[in-house]
């Protein structure tokens, strides 16, 4: 016997099936409607970097290309701000990389700062690598300025400055020779030019790849150059201390600050002028600039 539609509806109402049918109808109706997708405003995007690898010393010229870059006011590589930031157009920004932190190899993220203060992670990195002799010299200096490389070079108690500076020059690529060497760890042998100020000064002056500069020539001094200190020039007893240049800073007043790394007074960025005025009043210094 076939039930009539009226009988079926009556049965459904009594059993609760009508409520389920109603829910199903509403659900089906809801699924048939399209939920609007919120609109997300587009922001700056970087799609490419012209150069992704460069020197620990900084100075690499890089261009970023992308979209909506016109509001960028600064570029940061890792923890340090880039220099010479220049907006070419809405799709291109140029800048010069700063030195790597502590002159150590690293993959440093590139971020942009916008005019409203927000920062944008570009998703790009700059790979700092030791690609030049000076890179290798400063990488060595900042690795061992405090944690001495005793296994390879030992330590000259109370006067390790020359030993350390000469180590950095070996790391830079200088070859030891009969006039300039140290085999102190293995045999106890070394040249006086390795540890004594006057003999080291004479050796540096004799090399064809060095140029001597005086204090008032500091504008010609570069990172990696050698400084020779004379704490008491009136006694004419030669240099008393040596370090290497780790930073050259042009000041707003037109002067130039020289920062130094070395041993005995263990330092990464010792200020040259403080060393010859506050620390050793009446002292002086000269430089050997290395080609």
Protein backbone atom coordinates (compact mmCIF):
# COMPACT_ATOMS: atom_id res chain seq x y z
CA UNK A 1 0.00 0.00 0.00
CA UNK A 2 1.49 3.42 -1.00
CA UNK A 3 1.27 6.14 1.69
CA UNK A 4 -0.17 9.45 0.67
CA UNK A 5 1.96 12.66 0.99
CA UNK A 6 -0.42 13.94 3.71
CA UNK A 7 0.05 10.72 5.72
CA UNK A 8 3.86 10.89 5.35
CA UNK A 9 3.99 14.50 6.58
CA UNK A 10 1.84 13.61 9.55
CA UNK A 11 4.14 10.72 10.39
CA UNK A 12 7.24 12.84 10.03
CA UNK A 13 5.85 15.54 12.29
CA UNK A 14 5.11 13.01 14.97
CA UNK A 15 8.58 11.40 14.81
CA UNK A 16 10.70 14.58 14.75
CA UNK A 17 11.93 14.00 11.19
CA UNK A 18 10.43 17.31 10.12
CA UNK A 19 12.88 19.23 12.34
CA UNK A 20 15.84 17.41 10.82
CA UNK A 21 14.55 18.08 7.35
CA UNK A 22 14.25 21.77 8.21
CA UNK A 23 17.87 21.91 9.48
CA UNK A 24 19.06 20.16 6.37
CA UNK A 25 17.26 22.69 4.23
CA UNK A 26 18.81 25.61 6.10
CA UNK A 27 22.26 24.04 5.88
CA UNK A 28 21.92 23.49 2.19
CA UNK A 29 20.78 27.08 1.76
CA UNK A 30 23.83 28.35 3.74
CA UNK A 31 26.28 26.34 1.66
CA UNK A 32 24.88 27.82 -1.50
CA UNK A 33 25.95 31.33 -0.39
CA UNK A 34 29.55 32.63 -1.00
CA UNK A 35 31.35 34.14 2.03
CA UNK A 36 33.21 37.33 1.04
CA UNK A 37 37.05 37.12 1.38
CA UNK A 38 38.55 40.05 3.31
CA UNK A 39 40.76 42.29 1.16
CA UNK A 40 44.37 42.44 2.43
CA UNK A 41 46.29 45.54 1.40
CA UNK A 42 49.46 44.77 -0.56
CA UNK A 43 52.77 45.89 0.96
CA UNK A 44 56.37 46.22 -0.19
CA UNK A 45 57.74 43.10 -1.80
CA UNK A 46 61.37 42.32 -2.72
CA UNK A 47 61.77 39.84 -5.53
CA UNK A 48 65.53 39.93 -6.15
CA UNK A 49 68.90 41.21 -4.92
CA UNK A 50 71.63 42.04 -7.40
CA UNK A 51 74.38 40.62 -5.16
CA UNK A 52 73.91 38.18 -2.29
CA UNK A 53 77.54 37.55 -1.24
CA UNK A 54 80.20 40.03 -0.18
CA UNK A 55 83.10 41.09 2.01
CA UNK A 56 83.18 41.00 5.81
CA UNK A 57 84.46 44.58 5.59
CA UNK A 58 81.23 45.79 4.00
CA UNK A 59 81.30 48.14 1.04
CA UNK A 60 79.38 45.87 -1.36
CA UNK A 61 76.95 47.77 -3.58
CA UNK A 62 73.57 46.00 -3.75
CA UNK A 63 70.29 46.72 -5.53
CA UNK A 64 66.96 45.31 -4.41
CA UNK A 65 64.13 45.06 -6.91
CA UNK A 66 60.47 44.51 -6.17
CA UNK A 67 57.22 46.42 -5.84
CA UNK A 68 55.91 49.26 -3.67
CA UNK A 69 59.36 50.25 -2.38
CA UNK A 70 58.88 54.02 -2.57
CA UNK A 71 58.22 54.46 1.18
CA UNK A 72 61.48 52.79 2.23
CA UNK A 73 63.71 55.11 4.27
CA UNK A 74 66.35 52.68 5.59
CA UNK A 75 67.84 49.24 4.96
CA UNK A 76 69.30 47.02 7.69
CA UNK A 77 71.63 44.07 7.15
CA UNK A 78 71.49 41.84 10.20
CA UNK A 79 71.94 44.24 13.12
CA UNK A 80 73.66 47.07 11.22
CA UNK A 81 72.24 49.84 9.02
CA UNK A 82 73.29 49.93 5.39
CA UNK A 83 74.84 53.12 4.05
CA UNK A 84 74.23 55.18 0.91
CA UNK A 85 70.59 54.04 0.73
CA UNK A 86 69.08 55.47 -2.46
CA UNK A 87 65.59 54.99 -3.89
CA UNK A 88 65.93 54.61 -7.65
CA UNK A 89 62.19 54.29 -8.25
CA UNK A 90 59.18 52.43 -6.83
CA UNK A 91 60.74 49.11 -7.84
CA UNK A 92 64.45 49.57 -7.04
CA UNK A 93 66.54 50.51 -3.99
CA UNK A 94 70.33 50.73 -3.87
CA UNK A 95 72.56 50.58 -0.77
CA UNK A 96 76.06 49.71 0.44
CA UNK A 97 76.54 46.92 2.97
CA UNK A 98 77.97 47.72 6.43
CA UNK A 99 80.72 45.54 7.94
CA UNK A 100 79.70 42.16 9.33
CA UNK A 101 79.24 41.97 13.08
CA UNK A 102 82.70 41.36 14.61
CA UNK A 103 83.96 40.69 11.07
CA UNK A 104 82.63 37.13 11.21
CA UNK A 105 80.99 35.17 8.35
CA UNK A 106 77.20 35.13 8.65
CA UNK A 107 73.97 35.06 6.68
CA UNK A 108 72.35 38.36 7.63
CA UNK A 109 68.65 39.06 6.92
CA UNK A 110 67.82 42.18 4.92
CA UNK A 111 65.01 44.32 6.34
CA UNK A 112 63.43 47.57 5.17
CA UNK A 113 62.19 50.43 7.34
CA UNK A 114 59.21 52.38 6.02
CA UNK A 115 58.45 56.07 6.47
CA UNK A 116 55.83 55.21 9.11
CA UNK A 117 58.42 53.29 11.17
CA UNK A 118 57.30 49.77 10.30
CA UNK A 119 59.89 47.19 9.31
CA UNK A 120 59.55 44.71 6.46
CA UNK A 121 61.35 41.37 6.32
CA UNK A 122 62.35 41.05 2.68
CA UNK A 123 62.90 37.30 2.91
CA UNK A 124 66.38 37.91 1.48
CA UNK A 125 69.78 37.45 3.12
CA UNK A 126 73.24 38.83 2.51
CA UNK A 127 76.02 36.28 2.98
CA UNK A 128 79.13 37.79 4.58
CA UNK A 129 82.23 35.83 3.63
CA UNK A 130 86.01 36.25 3.96
CA UNK A 131 86.77 37.13 0.35
CA UNK A 132 89.76 39.49 0.72
CA UNK A 133 93.08 39.38 2.63
CA UNK A 134 91.84 42.13 4.97
CA UNK A 135 88.68 40.09 5.63
CA UNK A 136 90.83 37.20 6.78
CA UNK A 137 93.01 39.50 8.90
CA UNK A 138 90.08 41.09 10.74
CA UNK A 139 88.22 37.79 11.07
CA UNK A 140 91.31 36.40 12.80
CA UNK A 141 91.75 39.49 14.99
CA UNK A 142 88.16 39.43 16.23
CA UNK A 143 88.31 35.70 16.86
CA UNK A 144 91.45 35.88 19.01
CA UNK A 145 91.55 39.40 20.47
CA UNK A 146 90.44 38.01 23.85
CA UNK A 147 90.61 34.22 23.50
CA UNK A 148 94.29 33.92 22.60
CA UNK A 149 95.42 31.39 19.97
CA UNK A 150 97.83 29.76 22.41
CA UNK A 151 98.11 26.42 20.62
CA UNK A 152 99.57 27.98 17.49
CA UNK A 153 101.38 31.11 18.70
CA UNK A 154 101.67 31.02 22.48
CA UNK A 155 101.81 34.22 24.54
CA UNK A 156 104.57 36.65 25.48
CA UNK A 157 103.67 37.57 29.05
CA UNK A 158 102.95 41.25 29.70
CA UNK A 159 103.88 42.18 26.12
CA UNK A 160 101.90 40.19 23.57
CA UNK A 161 100.95 43.11 21.33
CA UNK A 162 103.52 42.49 18.59
CA UNK A 163 102.89 38.75 18.68
CA UNK A 164 99.18 39.36 18.06
CA UNK A 165 99.54 42.00 15.33
CA UNK A 166 101.98 39.77 13.45
CA UNK A 167 99.57 36.84 13.74
CA UNK A 168 96.92 38.93 11.99
CA UNK A 169 99.39 39.79 9.24
CA UNK A 170 100.06 36.09 8.67
CA UNK A 171 96.29 35.56 8.48
CA UNK A 172 96.21 38.38 5.92
CA UNK A 173 98.67 36.42 3.77
CA UNK A 174 102.13 37.62 4.77
CA UNK A 175 104.76 34.87 4.64
CA UNK A 176 107.26 34.50 7.43
CA UNK A 177 110.92 34.83 6.47
CA UNK A 178 114.39 34.94 8.00
CA UNK A 179 113.85 38.53 9.17
CA UNK A 180 110.32 38.11 10.54
CA UNK A 181 109.09 34.87 12.08
CA UNK A 182 107.96 33.02 15.19
CA UNK A 183 108.34 29.36 16.07
CA UNK A 184 107.86 30.13 19.74
CA UNK A 185 105.44 27.31 20.53
CA UNK A 186 107.52 24.54 18.93
CA UNK A 187 111.12 25.62 19.55
CA UNK A 188 111.01 28.87 21.48
CA UNK A 189 112.64 30.65 18.54
CA UNK A 190 111.50 33.99 17.08
CA UNK A 191 112.86 37.12 15.48
CA UNK A 192 113.06 40.34 17.46
CA UNK A 193 110.97 41.95 14.73
CA UNK A 194 108.12 39.72 15.93
CA UNK A 195 107.96 41.06 19.48
CA UNK A 196 110.11 44.20 19.93
CA UNK A 197 108.82 47.63 18.96
CA UNK A 198 111.96 49.11 17.35
CA UNK A 199 112.82 45.98 15.36
CA UNK A 200 109.20 45.52 14.26
CA UNK A 201 109.05 49.18 13.22
CA UNK A 202 112.22 48.75 11.15
CA UNK A 203 110.88 45.61 9.49
CA UNK A 204 107.57 47.23 8.57
CA UNK A 205 109.42 50.24 7.15
CA UNK A 206 111.56 47.93 4.99
CA UNK A 207 108.68 46.24 3.19
CA UNK A 208 107.75 47.43 -0.31
CA UNK A 209 104.02 47.01 0.36
CA UNK A 210 103.85 49.42 3.34
CA UNK A 211 103.69 53.20 3.55
CA UNK A 212 104.39 55.12 6.73
CA UNK A 213 101.89 57.80 7.77
CA UNK A 214 102.05 60.22 10.68
CA UNK A 215 99.21 61.22 13.01
CA UNK A 216 98.15 64.11 10.80
CA UNK A 217 97.88 61.71 7.83
CA UNK A 218 95.12 59.71 9.48
CA UNK A 219 92.77 60.41 6.56
CA UNK A 220 94.86 57.93 4.54
CA UNK A 221 94.64 55.15 7.13
CA UNK A 222 92.55 52.03 6.39
CA UNK A 223 91.14 49.11 8.34
CA UNK A 224 93.86 46.46 8.71
CA UNK A 225 96.74 48.97 8.85
CA UNK A 226 99.23 48.84 11.73
CA UNK A 227 99.67 51.55 14.35
CA UNK A 228 102.91 51.93 16.34
CA UNK A 229 102.67 53.82 19.64
CA UNK A 230 105.46 55.68 21.39
CA UNK A 231 104.38 56.52 24.94
CA UNK A 232 107.48 58.64 25.68
CA UNK A 233 108.83 60.13 22.43
CA UNK A 234 111.14 62.45 24.35
CA UNK A 235 113.27 59.45 25.37
CA UNK A 236 113.93 58.38 21.79
CA UNK A 237 113.69 54.70 22.70
CA UNK A 238 111.38 53.67 19.87
CA UNK A 239 107.81 52.29 19.77
CA UNK A 240 106.32 50.82 22.93
CA UNK A 241 103.10 49.26 21.66
CA UNK A 242 101.36 48.14 18.46
CA UNK A 243 97.77 47.40 17.34
CA UNK A 244 95.80 47.12 14.10
CA UNK A 245 93.16 49.51 12.81
CA UNK A 246 89.70 47.98 13.26
CA UNK A 247 87.52 50.98 12.39
CA UNK A 248 87.83 54.40 10.78
CA UNK A 249 85.04 56.82 11.73
CA UNK A 250 84.55 60.22 10.06
CA UNK A 251 83.10 62.58 12.67
CA UNK A 252 80.51 65.28 12.01
CA UNK A 253 83.09 67.99 12.74
CA UNK A 254 85.38 66.76 9.97
CA UNK A 255 87.82 64.90 12.22
CA UNK A 256 88.51 61.19 11.92
CA UNK A 257 88.44 58.71 14.82
CA UNK A 258 90.64 55.63 14.63
CA UNK A 259 89.64 52.46 16.54
CA UNK A 260 92.09 49.64 17.21
CA UNK A 261 92.24 45.92 18.03
CA UNK A 262 95.05 44.27 19.91
CA UNK A 263 96.54 42.43 22.88
CA UNK A 264 98.14 43.37 26.20
CA UNK A 265 95.38 45.93 26.50
CA UNK A 266 92.89 43.47 24.98
CA UNK A 267 90.55 45.44 22.74
CA UNK A 268 88.36 45.39 19.66
CA UNK A 269 87.81 49.13 19.29
CA UNK A 270 90.31 51.01 21.46
CA UNK A 271 90.27 54.71 20.63
CA UNK A 272 93.62 55.96 19.35
CA UNK A 273 93.29 59.52 20.67
CA UNK A 274 92.28 58.32 24.13
CA UNK A 275 95.33 56.05 24.16
CA UNK A 276 97.77 58.94 23.58
CA UNK A 277 96.04 61.53 25.75
CA UNK A 278 94.07 60.01 28.63
CA UNK A 279 95.83 56.65 28.95
CA UNK A 280 99.34 57.83 28.09
CA UNK A 281 99.52 61.64 28.13
CA UNK A 282 102.17 62.99 25.79
CA UNK A 283 102.22 59.84 23.70
CA UNK A 284 102.28 59.75 19.93
CA UNK A 285 101.76 57.24 17.14
CA UNK A 286 102.40 56.57 13.47
CA UNK A 287 100.92 54.11 10.99
CA UNK A 288 101.97 51.59 8.39
CA UNK A 289 99.39 51.48 5.64
CA UNK A 290 99.43 48.15 3.83
CA UNK A 291 98.85 47.99 0.08
